[in-house]
């Protein structure tokens, strides 16, 4: 590790992952405090690399807990060599959140600070069947759902597929893993983060391949909620150590990435408000007695206007920069909670329109609904448009050329059949 993190910096964000979410956090800490961050990706890349804000400490594949802990211990030892200081640990993926929660005592001994959560709380949030049970108890809508236990083997697939018959069920259906952490380490041809299935044979094939690839968790099958990407919502909350939800930020998705493995990652977002949906999110945070950030994926039914909660991510979402554009920099909440250990200001709810985008604004306008097109125009007039990967205080020729290259590829990456995901 180089000496890029100054010994005089009073705290250090340590961000695991190497994607948009990791760079956004590093940028947000720099915007708020002038701080530099250690980023722990699997390998160097120009999303988080080539930056004046980040010290990269690549770890290779990060699925095995022992490997992750050993690497984070090396990072901590280097950062604590000259002075003891808080290391804000920010896991970027669900399986890394689980490693942090299950090995929290060891990590705290290394000097890391992060939310107080138990494995049981994490299961209730991140394991979809438990999350849906919580929604049912609170009267919060979620899609019609069935589960199959893949540990029962391939022989169970046929009867399960046959059980999903009309009138209760009709295709298309959505298929996703009940345990995102285990699914991240499952590989087979055609695997996607979210599968959109139009007939029983497709469902049978994917389930069989998943089981044969060694996946032993549950798979979740859901009735598709009709509507295009513009009916998707992202709801982010921060609940502090006193049990108060001090940040609420809702956003409308304009368009998602539909590349395999990236389903559910929004390319353009508009901060918005919906008191009913926001209140339901607070209910869930309270019911889970959550600590820290939680992010909900939601879809609004295009015929009824009802909001359906799809899942909870036990962390900040990948594309969360809309919060900062709308006036609520997540770094400030993390710093107050884990470094200053001070009280937060009065609970804050973001208001739109404020836009965060990783694609050209013209392309976002093309995919936006009529209402969203007006909001995009309003945000542009108000100069409330953020480009999370383009930071004026982090210029570098190689990095700038890469970001320009990514923008030119954006049109092809978001091309899709509208309305094909509950993601």
Protein backbone atom coordinates (compact mmCIF):
# COMPACT_ATOMS: atom_id res chain seq x y z
CA UNK A 1 0.00 0.00 0.00
CA UNK A 2 1.34 3.46 -0.84
CA UNK A 3 1.31 6.42 1.49
CA UNK A 4 -1.62 8.01 -0.29
CA UNK A 5 -3.74 8.00 2.88
CA UNK A 6 -2.12 10.70 5.05
CA UNK A 7 -1.08 9.64 8.54
CA UNK A 8 -2.77 12.80 9.79
CA UNK A 9 -6.18 11.89 8.37
CA UNK A 10 -8.28 11.30 11.51
CA UNK A 11 -10.41 8.48 10.06
CA UNK A 12 -10.34 6.31 6.95
CA UNK A 13 -13.26 4.90 4.96
CA UNK A 14 -12.45 1.33 3.89
CA UNK A 15 -14.79 0.44 1.04
CA UNK A 16 -15.01 -3.12 -0.26
CA UNK A 17 -16.02 -3.43 -3.91
CA UNK A 18 -14.92 -1.81 -7.11
CA UNK A 19 -18.04 -0.44 -8.74
CA UNK A 20 -20.10 2.74 -8.98
CA UNK A 21 -21.19 2.47 -5.34
CA UNK A 22 -17.60 2.24 -4.11
CA UNK A 23 -16.46 5.28 -6.09
CA UNK A 24 -19.55 7.25 -5.08
CA UNK A 25 -18.76 6.69 -1.40
CA UNK A 26 -15.14 7.72 -1.87
CA UNK A 27 -16.29 10.85 -3.65
CA UNK A 28 -18.87 11.62 -0.97
CA UNK A 29 -16.28 11.37 1.82
CA UNK A 30 -14.01 13.66 -0.15
CA UNK A 31 -16.81 16.15 -0.82
CA UNK A 32 -17.77 16.27 2.85
CA UNK A 33 -14.40 16.03 4.62
CA UNK A 34 -11.62 16.15 2.04
CA UNK A 35 -10.88 12.55 3.10
CA UNK A 36 -9.28 9.88 0.98
CA UNK A 37 -10.55 6.31 1.06
CA UNK A 38 -9.07 2.85 0.84
CA UNK A 39 -10.98 0.82 -1.74
CA UNK A 40 -10.74 -2.98 -1.70
CA UNK A 41 -11.84 -4.32 -5.12
CA UNK A 42 -11.20 -7.78 -6.47
CA UNK A 43 -8.82 -6.22 -9.02
CA UNK A 44 -7.74 -2.80 -10.20
CA UNK A 45 -10.10 -1.00 -12.55
CA UNK A 46 -10.77 2.53 -13.76
CA UNK A 47 -14.07 2.89 -11.96
CA UNK A 48 -12.35 3.21 -8.58
CA UNK A 49 -8.75 3.43 -9.82
CA UNK A 50 -6.81 6.20 -11.54
CA UNK A 51 -8.22 8.45 -8.82
CA UNK A 52 -6.79 11.03 -6.43
CA UNK A 53 -9.38 9.96 -3.86
CA UNK A 54 -8.68 6.25 -3.55
CA UNK A 55 -5.91 3.96 -2.46
CA UNK A 56 -6.57 0.57 -4.05
CA UNK A 57 -5.86 -2.62 -2.13
CA UNK A 58 -7.07 -5.41 -4.46
CA UNK A 59 -8.03 -8.59 -2.65
CA UNK A 60 -8.85 -11.04 -5.43
CA UNK A 61 -12.09 -12.99 -5.08
CA UNK A 62 -13.83 -12.14 -1.81
CA UNK A 63 -16.17 -15.03 -1.10
CA UNK A 64 -14.19 -16.89 1.56
CA UNK A 65 -14.43 -15.29 4.99
CA UNK A 66 -10.91 -16.27 6.07
CA UNK A 67 -9.40 -14.62 3.00
CA UNK A 68 -11.45 -11.44 3.43
CA UNK A 69 -10.59 -11.16 7.13
CA UNK A 70 -6.87 -11.72 6.51
CA UNK A 71 -6.81 -9.07 3.82
CA UNK A 72 -8.74 -6.54 5.90
CA UNK A 73 -6.36 -7.18 8.81
CA UNK A 74 -3.40 -6.26 6.58
CA UNK A 75 -5.19 -3.10 5.48
CA UNK A 76 -5.96 -2.17 9.09
CA UNK A 77 -2.41 -2.80 10.27
CA UNK A 78 -1.04 -0.49 7.57
CA UNK A 79 -3.54 2.25 8.29
CA UNK A 80 -2.99 2.02 12.06
CA UNK A 81 0.82 1.89 11.85
CA UNK A 82 1.38 5.53 12.78
CA UNK A 83 -1.78 6.33 14.71
CA UNK A 84 -4.93 4.63 15.95
CA UNK A 85 -7.94 5.98 14.09
CA UNK A 86 -11.45 4.75 13.23
CA UNK A 87 -11.73 2.75 10.01
CA UNK A 88 -15.26 3.02 8.64
CA UNK A 89 -15.89 -0.37 7.02
CA UNK A 90 -18.34 -0.27 4.12
CA UNK A 91 -19.10 -3.65 2.50
CA UNK A 92 -20.31 -3.19 -1.05
CA UNK A 93 -22.10 -6.50 -1.65
CA UNK A 94 -24.53 -8.65 0.32
CA UNK A 95 -22.09 -11.53 0.80
CA UNK A 96 -19.53 -9.10 2.25
CA UNK A 97 -22.17 -7.68 4.60
CA UNK A 98 -22.70 -11.23 5.87
CA UNK A 99 -18.98 -11.76 6.42
CA UNK A 100 -18.80 -8.51 8.38
CA UNK A 101 -21.83 -9.37 10.53
CA UNK A 102 -20.70 -12.93 11.25
CA UNK A 103 -17.14 -11.84 12.15
CA UNK A 104 -17.91 -8.48 13.69
CA UNK A 105 -15.91 -9.01 16.90
CA UNK A 106 -12.67 -9.75 15.01
CA UNK A 107 -13.16 -6.77 12.72
CA UNK A 108 -13.88 -4.39 15.60
CA UNK A 109 -10.69 -5.58 17.28
CA UNK A 110 -8.83 -4.55 14.10
CA UNK A 111 -10.17 -1.00 14.47
CA UNK A 112 -13.11 -1.13 12.10
CA UNK A 113 -16.40 0.60 12.93
CA UNK A 114 -19.75 -0.31 11.35
CA UNK A 115 -23.41 -0.90 12.28
CA UNK A 116 -24.43 -3.20 15.13
CA UNK A 117 -26.37 -6.00 13.46
CA UNK A 118 -26.90 -9.67 14.27
CA UNK A 119 -26.99 -12.60 11.88
CA UNK A 120 -30.69 -13.02 12.71
CA UNK A 121 -31.42 -9.41 11.70
CA UNK A 122 -29.47 -9.86 8.50
CA UNK A 123 -31.40 -13.03 7.65
CA UNK A 124 -34.72 -11.25 8.17
CA UNK A 125 -33.66 -8.51 5.77
CA UNK A 126 -31.55 -10.25 3.14
CA UNK A 127 -33.18 -13.71 2.89
CA UNK A 128 -36.16 -12.98 0.74
CA UNK A 129 -38.61 -15.49 2.22
CA UNK A 130 -38.01 -13.99 5.68
CA UNK A 131 -38.30 -10.46 4.32
CA UNK A 132 -41.63 -11.26 2.67
CA UNK A 133 -42.91 -12.80 5.89
CA UNK A 134 -42.08 -9.52 7.62
CA UNK A 135 -43.92 -7.58 4.90
CA UNK A 136 -46.96 -9.83 5.33
CA UNK A 137 -47.00 -9.22 9.08
CA UNK A 138 -46.97 -5.46 8.49
CA UNK A 139 -49.55 -5.49 5.69
CA UNK A 140 -47.00 -4.31 3.12
CA UNK A 141 -47.60 -5.53 -0.42
CA UNK A 142 -45.11 -7.78 -2.18
CA UNK A 143 -45.49 -9.91 -5.35
CA UNK A 144 -47.22 -13.30 -5.23
CA UNK A 145 -44.34 -15.54 -4.26
CA UNK A 146 -43.43 -19.22 -4.15
CA UNK A 147 -40.16 -20.80 -3.06
CA UNK A 148 -38.31 -23.99 -3.86
CA UNK A 149 -35.62 -25.45 -1.63
CA UNK A 150 -32.81 -26.36 -4.01
CA UNK A 151 -31.22 -28.66 -1.45
CA UNK A 152 -34.00 -31.15 -2.28
CA UNK A 153 -32.33 -31.81 -5.63
CA UNK A 154 -33.23 -31.82 -9.31
CA UNK A 155 -35.95 -34.43 -8.87
CA UNK A 156 -38.11 -31.88 -7.03
CA UNK A 157 -38.11 -29.38 -9.89
CA UNK A 158 -40.78 -30.94 -12.12
CA UNK A 159 -43.49 -31.11 -9.47
CA UNK A 160 -42.71 -27.58 -8.32
CA UNK A 161 -42.98 -26.13 -11.84
CA UNK A 162 -46.27 -27.98 -12.37
CA UNK A 163 -47.66 -26.44 -9.17
CA UNK A 164 -47.39 -22.93 -10.60
CA UNK A 165 -50.53 -23.25 -12.69
CA UNK A 166 -53.41 -20.98 -13.58
CA UNK A 167 -55.58 -19.39 -12.30
CA UNK A 168 -53.29 -18.47 -9.38
CA UNK A 169 -50.19 -18.16 -11.57
CA UNK A 170 -49.56 -16.92 -15.08
CA UNK A 171 -46.42 -16.25 -17.04
CA UNK A 172 -44.24 -14.19 -17.23
CA UNK A 173 -42.66 -14.96 -13.88
CA UNK A 174 -39.57 -13.60 -12.17
CA UNK A 175 -36.96 -15.91 -10.68
CA UNK A 176 -34.23 -14.84 -8.25
CA UNK A 177 -32.19 -16.37 -5.47
CA UNK A 178 -33.44 -16.32 -1.92
CA UNK A 179 -29.85 -16.02 -0.70
CA UNK A 180 -28.02 -13.40 -2.75
CA UNK A 181 -24.73 -14.17 -1.02
CA UNK A 182 -24.75 -17.83 -2.11
CA UNK A 183 -26.03 -16.94 -5.59
CA UNK A 184 -23.10 -14.57 -6.13
CA UNK A 185 -20.79 -17.59 -5.95
CA UNK A 186 -22.92 -19.84 -8.20
CA UNK A 187 -21.90 -20.21 -11.84
CA UNK A 188 -23.61 -21.84 -14.82
CA UNK A 189 -24.24 -20.87 -18.47
CA UNK A 190 -27.06 -18.36 -18.77
CA UNK A 191 -27.05 -17.43 -15.07
CA UNK A 192 -28.50 -14.00 -14.36
CA UNK A 193 -29.10 -12.00 -11.22
CA UNK A 194 -32.80 -11.96 -12.13
CA UNK A 195 -34.43 -14.30 -14.65
CA UNK A 196 -37.50 -13.23 -16.65
CA UNK A 197 -39.33 -16.41 -17.66
CA UNK A 198 -42.07 -16.72 -20.24
CA UNK A 199 -42.93 -20.43 -20.01
CA UNK A 200 -42.62 -23.46 -17.68
CA UNK A 201 -39.75 -25.04 -19.64
CA UNK A 202 -37.55 -21.99 -19.06
CA UNK A 203 -38.27 -22.17 -15.33
CA UNK A 204 -37.50 -25.91 -15.25
CA UNK A 205 -34.20 -25.40 -17.10
CA UNK A 206 -32.89 -22.58 -14.90
CA UNK A 207 -33.79 -24.34 -11.65
CA UNK A 208 -32.14 -27.57 -12.82
CA UNK A 209 -28.96 -25.77 -13.88
CA UNK A 210 -28.78 -23.88 -10.57
CA UNK A 211 -29.06 -27.08 -8.54
CA UNK A 212 -26.53 -28.89 -10.72
CA UNK A 213 -24.15 -25.94 -10.24
CA UNK A 214 -24.28 -26.53 -6.48
CA UNK A 215 -26.74 -23.87 -5.32
CA UNK A 216 -28.38 -25.19 -2.13
CA UNK A 217 -30.50 -22.25 -1.00
CA UNK A 218 -34.03 -21.29 -1.92
CA UNK A 219 -35.13 -19.83 -5.22
CA UNK A 220 -37.88 -17.25 -5.26
CA UNK A 221 -40.50 -17.28 -8.01
CA UNK A 222 -42.72 -14.22 -8.29
CA UNK A 223 -45.61 -12.99 -10.34
CA UNK A 224 -44.33 -10.22 -12.62
CA UNK A 225 -45.55 -6.75 -11.63
CA UNK A 226 -46.41 -5.06 -14.93
CA UNK A 227 -44.79 -1.78 -15.84
CA UNK A 228 -41.61 -0.40 -17.41
CA UNK A 229 -38.41 0.54 -15.60
CA UNK A 230 -39.90 3.96 -14.85
CA UNK A 231 -42.30 2.21 -12.42
CA UNK A 232 -39.38 1.03 -10.29
CA UNK A 233 -38.44 2.87 -7.09
CA UNK A 234 -35.42 2.87 -4.80
CA UNK A 235 -35.98 3.78 -1.15
CA UNK A 236 -32.99 4.40 1.12
CA UNK A 237 -33.12 4.89 4.89
CA UNK A 238 -30.53 5.49 7.58
CA UNK A 239 -31.58 4.40 11.08
CA UNK A 240 -29.24 5.51 13.85
CA UNK A 241 -28.10 3.88 17.10
CA UNK A 242 -31.06 5.42 19.00
CA UNK A 243 -33.59 3.74 16.68
CA UNK A 244 -34.49 6.92 14.78
CA UNK A 245 -34.73 6.89 11.00
CA UNK A 246 -32.83 10.10 10.31
CA UNK A 247 -32.66 9.89 6.51
CA UNK A 248 -35.29 8.93 3.95
CA UNK A 249 -34.59 9.15 0.25
CA UNK A 250 -36.93 7.86 -2.46
CA UNK A 251 -36.01 7.83 -6.15
CA UNK A 252 -37.74 6.90 -9.37
CA UNK A 253 -35.74 4.72 -11.73
CA UNK A 254 -35.60 6.04 -15.28
CA UNK A 255 -33.83 3.05 -16.82
CA UNK A 256 -31.95 0.04 -15.50
CA UNK A 257 -28.99 -1.90 -16.79
CA UNK A 258 -30.24 -5.15 -18.30
CA UNK A 259 -26.87 -6.81 -18.89
CA UNK A 260 -26.55 -10.27 -17.27
CA UNK A 261 -25.47 -9.91 -13.64
CA UNK A 262 -26.28 -6.20 -13.51
CA UNK A 263 -30.08 -6.41 -13.47
CA UNK A 264 -31.52 -4.11 -10.86
CA UNK A 265 -28.74 -1.52 -11.19
CA UNK A 266 -30.26 1.82 -12.13
CA UNK A 267 -28.47 3.91 -14.74
CA UNK A 268 -30.51 7.07 -14.11
CA UNK A 269 -32.54 8.10 -11.05
CA UNK A 270 -34.77 11.02 -10.08
CA UNK A 271 -35.21 11.85 -6.39
CA UNK A 272 -38.92 11.97 -5.62
CA UNK A 273 -41.31 11.65 -2.70
CA UNK A 274 -44.20 9.39 -1.75
CA UNK A 275 -45.19 9.59 1.91
CA UNK A 276 -47.05 6.27 1.91
CA UNK A 277 -44.13 4.29 0.46
CA UNK A 278 -41.62 6.09 2.68
CA UNK A 279 -43.67 5.31 5.79
CA UNK A 280 -43.75 1.62 4.90
CA UNK A 281 -39.97 1.63 4.63
CA UNK A 282 -39.69 3.16 8.09
CA UNK A 283 -42.05 0.46 9.40
CA UNK A 284 -39.77 -2.24 8.07
CA UNK A 285 -36.63 -0.58 9.48
CA UNK A 286 -38.30 -0.38 12.89
CA UNK A 287 -39.61 -3.94 12.76
CA UNK A 288 -36.11 -5.18 12.00
CA UNK A 289 -34.59 -2.89 14.64
CA UNK A 290 -32.12 -2.03 11.89
CA UNK A 291 -28.94 -0.04 12.34
CA UNK A 292 -27.32 1.84 9.49
CA UNK A 293 -28.32 2.03 5.85
CA UNK A 294 -30.97 -0.14 4.24
CA UNK A 295 -32.25 0.11 0.68
CA UNK A 296 -35.53 -1.25 -0.69
CA UNK A 297 -36.37 -2.12 -4.29
CA UNK A 298 -40.01 -1.35 -5.07
CA UNK A 299 -42.22 -1.49 -8.14
CA UNK A 300 -45.47 0.37 -8.77
CA UNK A 301 -48.13 -1.69 -10.58
CA UNK A 302 -48.93 0.11 -13.82
CA UNK A 303 -52.65 -0.70 -13.64
CA UNK A 304 -53.44 -0.23 -9.94
CA UNK A 305 -50.75 2.25 -8.85
CA UNK A 306 -50.00 0.07 -5.81
CA UNK A 307 -46.41 -0.19 -4.61
CA UNK A 308 -44.92 -3.67 -4.15
CA UNK A 309 -41.77 -4.17 -2.09
CA UNK A 310 -39.43 -6.51 -3.97
CA UNK A 311 -36.45 -6.85 -1.64
CA UNK A 312 -34.18 -5.17 0.88
CA UNK A 313 -30.47 -4.62 0.42
CA UNK A 314 -28.73 -4.52 3.83
CA UNK A 315 -26.50 -1.64 2.76
CA UNK A 316 -26.36 1.39 0.50
CA UNK A 317 -27.38 0.64 -3.05
CA UNK A 318 -24.90 0.75 -5.91
CA UNK A 319 -26.41 3.90 -7.42
CA UNK A 320 -27.09 6.00 -4.35
CA UNK A 321 -25.57 9.31 -5.43
CA UNK A 322 -29.07 10.74 -5.91
CA UNK A 323 -29.08 11.21 -2.13
CA UNK A 324 -26.12 13.58 -2.29
CA UNK A 325 -27.59 15.52 -5.22
CA UNK A 326 -30.80 15.89 -3.19
CA UNK A 327 -28.93 17.26 -0.16
CA UNK A 328 -28.21 14.20 2.01
CA UNK A 329 -24.59 13.05 1.62
CA UNK A 330 -24.42 9.52 3.12
CA UNK A 331 -20.83 10.12 4.26
CA UNK A 332 -22.04 12.71 6.76
CA UNK A 333 -24.44 10.24 8.38
CA UNK A 334 -21.72 7.59 8.58
CA UNK A 335 -19.20 10.04 10.05
CA UNK A 336 -21.59 11.34 12.71
CA UNK A 337 -22.69 7.82 13.64
CA UNK A 338 -19.34 6.04 13.79
CA UNK A 339 -16.62 8.67 14.18
CA UNK A 340 -18.09 11.68 15.97
CA UNK A 341 -20.74 9.54 17.66
CA UNK A 342 -22.84 12.67 17.75
CA UNK A 343 -26.53 13.35 17.26
CA UNK A 344 -27.88 13.70 13.76
CA UNK A 345 -29.93 16.71 12.67
CA UNK A 346 -33.70 16.38 12.55
CA UNK A 347 -34.87 13.53 10.30
CA UNK A 348 -34.44 14.54 6.68
CA UNK A 349 -36.45 13.46 3.64
CA UNK A 350 -35.00 14.21 0.24
CA UNK A 351 -37.10 16.18 -2.22
CA UNK A 352 -36.93 16.22 -5.98
CA UNK A 353 -36.42 16.75 -8.67
CA UNK A 354 -32.74 15.86 -8.37
CA UNK A 355 -31.08 13.52 -10.84
CA UNK A 356 -28.13 11.14 -10.72
CA UNK A 357 -27.11 9.48 -13.95
CA UNK A 358 -24.32 7.40 -15.48
CA UNK A 359 -25.70 7.74 -19.01
CA UNK A 360 -26.08 10.81 -21.22
CA UNK A 361 -28.99 12.99 -20.21
CA UNK A 362 -30.42 12.76 -23.72
CA UNK A 363 -30.54 8.97 -23.42
CA UNK A 364 -32.19 9.17 -19.99
CA UNK A 365 -34.79 11.50 -21.50
CA UNK A 366 -35.45 8.93 -24.23
CA UNK A 367 -36.32 6.18 -21.71
CA UNK A 368 -38.16 8.41 -19.21
CA UNK A 369 -41.92 8.45 -18.82
CA UNK A 370 -43.71 11.66 -19.82
CA UNK A 371 -43.81 12.76 -16.17
CA UNK A 372 -40.14 11.92 -15.70
CA UNK A 373 -39.19 13.90 -18.79
CA UNK A 374 -40.66 16.98 -17.13
CA UNK A 375 -38.77 16.22 -13.92
CA UNK A 376 -35.51 15.81 -15.84
CA UNK A 377 -36.05 19.19 -17.45
CA UNK A 378 -36.84 20.79 -14.07
CA UNK A 379 -33.72 19.29 -12.51
CA UNK A 380 -31.61 20.55 -15.39
CA UNK A 381 -32.97 24.08 -14.99
CA UNK A 382 -32.33 23.92 -11.24
CA UNK A 383 -28.80 22.53 -11.82
CA UNK A 384 -29.60 19.50 -9.70
CA UNK A 385 -28.06 16.85 -11.93
CA UNK A 386 -25.20 14.71 -10.65
CA UNK A 387 -22.77 12.49 -12.55
CA UNK A 388 -21.31 10.30 -9.80
CA UNK A 389 -18.30 9.14 -11.83
CA UNK A 390 -17.37 12.63 -13.06
CA UNK A 391 -15.88 14.71 -10.24
CA UNK A 392 -14.14 18.00 -11.01
CA UNK A 393 -11.69 17.50 -8.12
CA UNK A 394 -10.63 14.09 -9.39
CA UNK A 395 -9.43 14.71 -12.92
CA UNK A 396 -7.00 12.31 -14.59
CA UNK A 397 -6.48 11.97 -18.33
CA UNK A 398 -6.63 8.16 -18.40
CA UNK A 399 -9.65 8.11 -16.10
CA UNK A 400 -11.40 10.89 -18.05
CA UNK A 401 -10.93 9.02 -21.32
CA UNK A 402 -12.33 5.87 -19.75
CA UNK A 403 -15.42 7.69 -18.48
CA UNK A 404 -15.98 9.18 -21.93
CA UNK A 405 -15.66 5.70 -23.42
CA UNK A 406 -18.22 4.37 -20.94
CA UNK A 407 -20.69 7.09 -21.89
CA UNK A 408 -20.40 6.21 -25.58
CA UNK A 409 -21.20 2.56 -24.75
CA UNK A 410 -24.16 3.46 -22.56
CA UNK A 411 -26.77 3.37 -25.31
CA UNK A 412 -26.02 -0.26 -26.13
CA UNK A 413 -25.82 -1.31 -22.48
CA UNK A 414 -29.30 -0.10 -21.58
CA UNK A 415 -31.10 -1.35 -24.69
CA UNK A 416 -33.82 -3.73 -23.57
CA UNK A 417 -37.43 -4.71 -23.90
CA UNK A 418 -39.29 -2.25 -21.65
CA UNK A 419 -40.91 -3.65 -18.55
CA UNK A 420 -39.12 -6.98 -18.30
CA UNK A 421 -38.02 -6.95 -14.66
CA UNK A 422 -39.12 -6.95 -11.06
CA UNK A 423 -35.51 -6.30 -10.08
